[in-house]
C-alpha atoms as a PDB file:
ATOM      1  CA  MET A   1       4.450  21.961  16.272  1.00  0.00           C
ATOM      2  CA  HIS A   2       7.046  19.233  16.041  1.00  0.00           C
ATOM      3  CA  HIS A   3       4.495  16.921  14.437  1.00  0.00           C
ATOM      4  CA  ARG A   4       3.558  19.563  11.871  1.00  0.00           C
ATOM      5  CA  ALA A   5       7.225  20.255  11.171  1.00  0.00           C
ATOM      6  CA  ALA A   6       7.977  16.661  10.649  1.00  0.00           C
ATOM      7  CA  LEU A   7       4.973  16.301   8.335  1.00  0.00           C
ATOM      8  CA  ALA A   8       6.084  19.328   6.256  1.00  0.00           C
ATOM      9  CA  THR A   9       9.525  17.860   5.817  1.00  0.00           C
ATOM     10  CA  THR A  10       8.051  14.666   4.683  1.00  0.00           C
ATOM     11  CA  LEU A  11       5.758  16.264   2.174  1.00  0.00           C
ATOM     12  CA  THR A  12       8.675  18.272   0.886  1.00  0.00           C
ATOM     13  CA  ALA A  13      10.680  15.097   0.397  1.00  0.00           C
ATOM     14  CA  ALA A  14       7.642  13.704  -1.498  1.00  0.00           C
ATOM     15  CA  VAL A  15       7.736  16.537  -3.932  1.00  0.00           C
ATOM     16  CA  LEU A  16      11.437  16.153  -4.506  1.00  0.00           C
ATOM     17  CA  LEU A  17      11.177  12.368  -4.861  1.00  0.00           C
ATOM     18  CA  LEU A  18       8.439  12.377  -7.354  1.00  0.00           C
ATOM     19  CA  SER A  19       9.960  15.076  -9.380  1.00  0.00           C
ATOM     20  CA  GLY A  20      13.216  13.225  -9.446  1.00  0.00           C
ATOM     21  CA  CYS A  21      11.791   9.889 -10.587  1.00  0.00           C
ATOM     22  CA  GLY A  22       9.474  11.283 -13.316  1.00  0.00           C
ATOM     23  CA  ALA A  23      12.303  10.986 -15.830  1.00  0.00           C
ATOM     24  CA  ALA A  24      12.833   7.172 -15.271  1.00  0.00           C
ATOM     25  CA  ASP A  25      11.696   5.008 -18.208  1.00  0.00           C
ATOM     26  CA  TRP A  26       9.237   2.384 -16.909  1.00  0.00           C
ATOM     27  CA  THR A  27       8.660   0.924 -20.331  1.00  0.00           C
ATOM     28  CA  THR A  28      11.989  -0.787 -20.201  1.00  0.00           C
ATOM     29  CA  PRO A  29      11.719  -4.288 -18.628  1.00  0.00           C
ATOM     30  CA  ARG A  30      13.727  -4.919 -15.515  1.00  0.00           C
ATOM     31  CA  PRO A  31      14.593  -8.127 -13.607  1.00  0.00           C
ATOM     32  CA  ASP A  32      11.827  -9.431 -11.318  1.00  0.00           C
ATOM     33  CA  THR A  33      12.091  -7.598  -7.968  1.00  0.00           C
ATOM     34  CA  THR A  34      13.092  -9.969  -5.198  1.00  0.00           C
ATOM     35  CA  ALA A  35      12.873  -9.433  -1.451  1.00  0.00           C
ATOM     36  CA  VAL A  36      16.153  -8.313   0.272  1.00  0.00           C
ATOM     37  CA  GLY A  37      16.141  -9.892   3.567  1.00  0.00           C
ATOM     38  CA  MET A  38      13.625 -12.284   5.174  1.00  0.00           C
ATOM     39  CA  PRO A  39      10.684 -11.710   7.519  1.00  0.00           C
ATOM     40  CA  ALA A  40      11.155 -12.892  11.115  1.00  0.00           C
ATOM     41  CA  THR A  41       9.419 -15.817  12.542  1.00  0.00           C
ATOM     42  CA  GLY A  42       5.741 -15.220  13.136  1.00  0.00           C
ATOM     43  CA  PHE A  43       5.157 -13.105  10.099  1.00  0.00           C
ATOM     44  CA  ALA A  44       3.454 -15.904   8.096  1.00  0.00           C
ATOM     45  CA  PRO A  45       1.395 -18.727   9.303  1.00  0.00           C
ATOM     46  CA  SER A  46       2.904 -22.155   9.327  1.00  0.00           C
ATOM     47  CA  ALA A  47       0.391 -23.259   6.612  1.00  0.00           C
ATOM     48  CA  SER A  48      -0.236 -21.146   3.481  1.00  0.00           C
ATOM     49  CA  PRO A  49      -3.228 -19.002   4.154  1.00  0.00           C
ATOM     50  CA  SER A  50      -6.386 -19.524   2.113  1.00  0.00           C
ATOM     51  CA  PRO A  51      -7.518 -16.855  -0.277  1.00  0.00           C
ATOM     52  CA  GLU A  52      -9.155 -13.941   1.432  1.00  0.00           C
ATOM     53  CA  ALA A  53      -7.806 -15.115   4.822  1.00  0.00           C
ATOM     54  CA  THR A  54      -6.899 -12.625   7.650  1.00  0.00           C
ATOM     55  CA  VAL A  55      -3.335 -13.091   8.753  1.00  0.00           C
ATOM     56  CA  THR A  56      -2.037 -11.499  11.933  1.00  0.00           C
ATOM     57  CA  PRO A  57       1.795 -11.144  11.679  1.00  0.00           C
ATOM     58  CA  ALA A  58       3.907 -10.789  14.853  1.00  0.00           C
ATOM     59  CA  SER A  59       4.672  -7.189  15.541  1.00  0.00           C
ATOM     60  CA  GLY A  60       7.629  -5.975  13.665  1.00  0.00           C
ATOM     61  CA  SER A  61       8.282  -9.235  12.006  1.00  0.00           C
ATOM     62  CA  TRP A  62       8.260  -7.444   8.633  1.00  0.00           C
ATOM     63  CA  GLU A  63      11.205  -5.071   9.492  1.00  0.00           C
ATOM     64  CA  GLY A  64      13.862  -7.103   7.878  1.00  0.00           C
ATOM     65  CA  VAL A  65      12.353  -7.182   4.332  1.00  0.00           C
ATOM     66  CA  SER A  66      13.022  -4.596   1.709  1.00  0.00           C
ATOM     67  CA  PRO A  67      12.565  -4.529  -2.148  1.00  0.00           C
ATOM     68  CA  SER A  68      15.588  -4.384  -4.348  1.00  0.00           C
ATOM     69  CA  PRO A  69      16.593  -0.804  -5.254  1.00  0.00           C
ATOM     70  CA  GLY A  70      14.551   0.789  -8.102  1.00  0.00           C
ATOM     71  CA  TYR A  71      11.271  -1.079  -7.213  1.00  0.00           C
ATOM     72  CA  ARG A  72       8.677   0.674  -9.318  1.00  0.00           C
ATOM     73  CA  VAL A  73       5.636   1.779  -7.198  1.00  0.00           C
ATOM     74  CA  VAL A  74       2.662   3.938  -7.933  1.00  0.00           C
ATOM     75  CA  LEU A  75       0.984   5.574  -4.962  1.00  0.00           C
ATOM     76  CA  LEU A  76      -2.663   5.926  -5.929  1.00  0.00           C
ATOM     77  CA  THR A  77      -4.655   8.156  -3.626  1.00  0.00           C
ATOM     78  CA  ARG A  78      -8.228   9.602  -3.417  1.00  0.00           C
ATOM     79  CA  GLY A  79      -9.549  11.940  -0.864  1.00  0.00           C
ATOM     80  CA  ALA A  80      -8.320  14.990   1.046  1.00  0.00           C
ATOM     81  CA  ASP A  81      -8.925  13.743   4.520  1.00  0.00           C
ATOM     82  CA  GLU A  82      -6.183  13.549   7.142  1.00  0.00           C
ATOM     83  CA  THR A  83      -6.103   9.778   7.330  1.00  0.00           C
ATOM     84  CA  THR A  84      -5.311   9.516   3.637  1.00  0.00           C
ATOM     85  CA  ALA A  85      -2.667  12.236   3.779  1.00  0.00           C
ATOM     86  CA  THR A  86      -0.953  10.426   6.737  1.00  0.00           C
ATOM     87  CA  LEU A  87      -0.791   7.159   4.894  1.00  0.00           C
ATOM     88  CA  ALA A  88       0.393   8.834   1.652  1.00  0.00           C
ATOM     89  CA  ALA A  89       3.127  10.569   3.617  1.00  0.00           C
ATOM     90  CA  ALA A  90       4.177   7.170   5.172  1.00  0.00           C
ATOM     91  CA  VAL A  91       4.447   5.520   1.749  1.00  0.00           C
ATOM     92  CA  THR A  92       6.456   8.404   0.414  1.00  0.00           C
ATOM     93  CA  ALA A  93       8.885   8.297   3.415  1.00  0.00           C
ATOM     94  CA  TRP A  94       9.295   4.457   3.022  1.00  0.00           C
ATOM     95  CA  ALA A  95      10.070   4.847  -0.671  1.00  0.00           C
ATOM     96  CA  ALA A  96      12.742   7.459   0.089  1.00  0.00           C
ATOM     97  CA  ALA A  97      14.298   5.222   2.695  1.00  0.00           C
ATOM     98  CA  GLU A  98      14.293   2.095   0.505  1.00  0.00           C
ATOM     99  CA  SER A  99      15.441   3.642  -2.818  1.00  0.00           C
ATOM    100  CA  VAL A 100      12.043   2.926  -4.396  1.00  0.00           C
ATOM    101  CA  ASP A 101      11.233   4.553  -7.765  1.00  0.00           C
ATOM    102  CA  LEU A 102       7.839   6.202  -6.654  1.00  0.00           C
ATOM    103  CA  ARG A 103       5.278   7.972  -8.737  1.00  0.00           C
ATOM    104  CA  ARG A 104       1.923   9.350  -7.540  1.00  0.00           C
ATOM    105  CA  VAL A 105      -1.502   9.319  -9.149  1.00  0.00           C
ATOM    106  CA  ASP A 106      -4.355  11.312  -7.585  1.00  0.00           C
ATOM    107  CA  ALA A 107      -7.655   9.896  -8.467  1.00  0.00           C
ATOM    108  CA  ASP A 108      -9.910  12.627  -6.975  1.00  0.00           C
ATOM    109  CA  GLY A 109     -11.868  12.975 -10.335  1.00  0.00           C
ATOM    110  CA  ASP A 110     -12.885   9.795 -12.147  1.00  0.00           C
ATOM    111  CA  ALA A 111     -11.646   7.001  -9.839  1.00  0.00           C
ATOM    112  CA  ILE A 112     -11.694   4.378 -12.395  1.00  0.00           C
ATOM    113  CA  ARG A 113      -9.732   6.547 -14.727  1.00  0.00           C
ATOM    114  CA  GLY A 114      -7.246   7.130 -12.038  1.00  0.00           C
ATOM    115  CA  ILE A 115      -6.755   3.344 -11.525  1.00  0.00           C
ATOM    116  CA  VAL A 116      -6.278   2.837 -15.236  1.00  0.00           C
ATOM    117  CA  GLN A 117      -3.825   5.543 -15.333  1.00  0.00           C
ATOM    118  CA  ALA A 118      -1.800   3.981 -12.448  1.00  0.00           C
ATOM    119  CA  MET A 119      -1.838   0.642 -14.330  1.00  0.00           C
ATOM    120  CA  GLU A 120      -0.727   2.240 -17.561  1.00  0.00           C
ATOM    121  CA  LEU A 121       2.466   3.455 -15.894  1.00  0.00           C
ATOM    122  CA  ASN A 122       3.472  -0.215 -15.766  1.00  0.00           C
ATOM    123  CA  PRO A 123       4.499  -0.338 -12.080  1.00  0.00           C
ATOM    124  CA  GLU A 124       5.564  -3.373 -10.196  1.00  0.00           C
ATOM    125  CA  LEU A 125       3.146  -2.509  -7.429  1.00  0.00           C
ATOM    126  CA  ILE A 126       0.238  -0.139  -6.921  1.00  0.00           C
ATOM    127  CA  VAL A 127      -0.231   1.041  -3.333  1.00  0.00           C
ATOM    128  CA  THR A 128      -3.663   2.558  -2.715  1.00  0.00           C
ATOM    129  CA  VAL A 129      -4.813   4.852   0.101  1.00  0.00           C
ATOM    130  CA  GLY A 130      -8.285   6.438   0.484  1.00  0.00           C
ATOM    131  CA  GLU A 131     -11.474   4.642   1.461  1.00  0.00           C
ATOM    132  CA  ASP A 132     -13.218   6.217  -1.801  1.00  0.00           C
ATOM    133  CA  LEU A 133     -11.040   3.857  -3.935  1.00  0.00           C
ATOM    134  CA  ILE A 134     -12.402   0.603  -2.439  1.00  0.00           C
ATOM    135  CA  ASP A 135     -15.611   0.325  -4.638  1.00  0.00           C
ATOM    136  CA  PRO A 136     -13.761   1.223  -7.901  1.00  0.00           C
ATOM    137  CA  LEU A 137     -10.844  -1.180  -7.037  1.00  0.00           C
ATOM    138  CA  ALA A 138     -13.514  -3.920  -6.533  1.00  0.00           C
ATOM    139  CA  THR A 139     -14.666  -3.395 -10.009  1.00  0.00           C
ATOM    140  CA  VAL A 140     -11.116  -3.095 -11.738  1.00  0.00           C
ATOM    141  CA  THR A 141      -8.882  -5.567  -9.985  1.00  0.00           C
ATOM    142  CA  PRO A 142     -10.602  -8.836 -10.852  1.00  0.00           C
ATOM    143  CA  ASN A 143     -10.204  -7.910 -14.523  1.00  0.00           C
ATOM    144  CA  HIS A 144      -6.425  -7.241 -14.221  1.00  0.00           C
ATOM    145  CA  LEU A 145      -4.986 -10.131 -12.268  1.00  0.00           C
ATOM    146  CA  GLU A 146      -1.437  -9.532 -13.551  1.00  0.00           C
ATOM    147  CA  VAL A 147      -1.307  -6.199 -11.698  1.00  0.00           C
ATOM    148  CA  PRO A 148      -0.466  -6.501  -8.021  1.00  0.00           C
ATOM    149  CA  PHE A 149      -2.279  -4.109  -5.619  1.00  0.00           C
ATOM    150  CA  LEU A 150      -1.613  -3.217  -1.904  1.00  0.00           C
ATOM    151  CA  VAL A 151      -4.445  -1.496  -0.047  1.00  0.00           C
ATOM    152  CA  LEU A 152      -3.597   0.326   3.148  1.00  0.00           C
ATOM    153  CA  GLY A 153      -6.086   0.997   5.859  1.00  0.00           C
ATOM    154  CA  ALA A 154      -9.073  -0.724   4.083  1.00  0.00           C
ATOM    155  CA  GLU A 155      -9.909  -3.856   2.230  1.00  0.00           C
ATOM    156  CA  LEU A 156     -11.842  -5.341  -0.633  1.00  0.00           C
ATOM    157  CA  ALA A 157     -14.733  -7.660   0.518  1.00  0.00           C
ATOM    158  CA  GLU A 158     -13.742 -10.240  -2.031  1.00  0.00           C
ATOM    159  CA  PRO A 159     -10.139  -9.786  -3.068  1.00  0.00           C
ATOM    160  CA  THR A 160      -8.568 -11.650  -5.889  1.00  0.00           C
ATOM    161  CA  ALA A 161      -5.076 -13.071  -5.633  1.00  0.00           C
ATOM    162  CA  ASN A 162      -3.569  -9.780  -6.850  1.00  0.00           C
ATOM    163  CA  VAL A 163      -4.943  -7.634  -4.056  1.00  0.00           C
ATOM    164  CA  THR A 164      -3.420  -7.570  -0.495  1.00  0.00           C
ATOM    165  CA  ALA A 165      -4.635  -5.362   2.270  1.00  0.00           C
ATOM    166  CA  VAL A 166      -3.208  -4.104   5.612  1.00  0.00           C
ATOM    167  CA  GLU A 167      -5.560  -3.089   8.360  1.00  0.00           C
ATOM    168  CA  TRP A 168      -5.657  -2.575  12.169  1.00  0.00           C
ATOM    169  CA  THR A 169      -8.040  -1.791  14.972  1.00  0.00           C
ATOM    170  CA  GLY A 170      -9.748   1.564  13.812  1.00  0.00           C
ATOM    171  CA  ALA A 171      -9.238   0.882  10.009  1.00  0.00           C
ATOM    172  CA  GLY A 172     -11.324  -1.757   8.294  1.00  0.00           C
ATOM    173  CA  PHE A 173     -13.494  -0.156   5.601  1.00  0.00           C
ATOM    174  CA  ARG A 174     -14.791  -2.922   3.158  1.00  0.00           C
ATOM    175  CA  GLY A 175     -16.863  -0.980   0.698  1.00  0.00           C
ATOM    176  CA  SER A 176     -20.255   0.823   0.416  1.00  0.00           C
ATOM    177  CA  GLY A 177     -22.978  -0.997   2.195  1.00  0.00           C
ATOM    178  CA  LEU A 178     -20.569  -3.555   3.891  1.00  0.00           C
ATOM    179  CA  GLY A 179     -19.622  -1.607   6.909  1.00  0.00           C
ATOM    180  CA  SER A 180     -16.223  -2.065   8.532  1.00  0.00           C
ATOM    181  CA  ALA A 181     -14.290  -4.795  10.079  1.00  0.00           C
ATOM    182  CA  THR A 182     -13.665  -2.523  13.098  1.00  0.00           C
ATOM    183  CA  GLN A 183     -15.073   0.738  14.425  1.00  0.00           C
ATOM    184  CA  PHE A 184     -13.475   3.542  12.486  1.00  0.00           C
ATOM    185  CA  ASP A 185     -10.970   5.544  14.539  1.00  0.00           C
ATOM    186  CA  PRO A 186      -9.075   8.383  12.641  1.00  0.00           C
ATOM    187  CA  GLU A 187      -6.632   8.591  15.652  1.00  0.00           C
ATOM    188  CA  SER A 188      -5.425   5.226  14.657  1.00  0.00           C
ATOM    189  CA  PHE A 189      -3.964   6.516  11.423  1.00  0.00           C
ATOM    190  CA  THR A 190      -0.601   7.644  12.878  1.00  0.00           C
ATOM    191  CA  PRO A 191       2.613   7.955  11.009  1.00  0.00           C
ATOM    192  CA  GLU A 192       4.060   5.058  12.817  1.00  0.00           C
ATOM    193  CA  ARG A 193       1.081   2.837  11.925  1.00  0.00           C
ATOM    194  CA  GLY A 194       1.427   3.919   8.330  1.00  0.00           C
ATOM    195  CA  ALA A 195       5.156   3.021   8.427  1.00  0.00           C
ATOM    196  CA  ASP A 196       4.280  -0.396   9.680  1.00  0.00           C
ATOM    197  CA  ALA A 197       1.483  -0.856   7.170  1.00  0.00           C
ATOM    198  CA  ILE A 198       3.527  -0.172   4.097  1.00  0.00           C
ATOM    199  CA  ARG A 199       6.492  -2.318   5.276  1.00  0.00           C
ATOM    200  CA  ALA A 200       4.223  -5.223   6.365  1.00  0.00           C
ATOM    201  CA  GLY A 201       2.226  -5.092   3.156  1.00  0.00           C
ATOM    202  CA  VAL A 202       5.264  -4.874   0.819  1.00  0.00           C
ATOM    203  CA  ALA A 203       6.959  -7.800   2.692  1.00  0.00           C
ATOM    204  CA  ALA A 204       3.735  -9.908   2.186  1.00  0.00           C
ATOM    205  CA  VAL A 205       3.747  -9.025  -1.596  1.00  0.00           C
ATOM    206  CA  LEU A 206       7.539  -9.753  -2.051  1.00  0.00           C
ATOM    207  CA  THR A 207       7.353 -13.097  -0.256  1.00  0.00           C
ATOM    208  CA  GLY A 208       4.179 -14.185  -2.120  1.00  0.00           C
ATOM    209  CA  MET A 209       1.597 -13.979   0.630  1.00  0.00           C
ATOM    210  CA  THR A 210      -0.935 -12.155  -1.478  1.00  0.00           C
ATOM    211  CA  GLY A 211      -4.803 -12.082  -1.702  1.00  0.00           C
ATOM    212  CA  VAL A 212      -5.034 -11.826   2.049  1.00  0.00           C
ATOM    213  CA  VAL A 213      -5.613  -9.224   4.779  1.00  0.00           C
ATOM    214  CA  LEU A 214      -2.725  -8.559   7.094  1.00  0.00           C
ATOM    215  CA  TRP A 215      -4.079  -7.372  10.572  1.00  0.00           C
ATOM    216  CA  ILE A 216      -1.390  -5.459  12.477  1.00  0.00           C
ATOM    217  CA  GLU A 217      -1.404  -4.111  15.985  1.00  0.00           C
END
């Protein structure tokens, strides 16, 4: 019951947050977002990772990194499964804690149209949750290299430099017909794992370590 109450509180906060930021004008340019703080030793490898590499940051090494207030993020979701809902709630809670300007786009109809709608909002980052978005993202993202994407709980098989992913044991879907990097385990999609995933992924994007897969434990 405690978990359900906490989830309900988070979802309520999501509604309030999304309603409150809807009036913000994202067409107005804003200074480039910089990282507030630095990741701890062990977050990035000593040499710059090659494109599409898998990077295993030290546990918690991302905790000291935040975006500057007002960071414009679109949460793009597809699917009504519990794993997607858990990750979406984690992103929403992170946004509230970090004073992120968050908007949500549900792509449960036409996935391509949903991705385009998210891009048209002119965010600084699009965070995606839901395995059903992977194949459409593989089609769209190579044609829009100027738009940064962060994929949680899955990955693109051949990501371009604008696509970063965060996975863990139990979450490694790579697209239709490609299987998974690990055996799927819905129990691994916990609120705590979601919180680590969004913070690690944003730390990577803000520090320029993009186009890779972050594997967290």
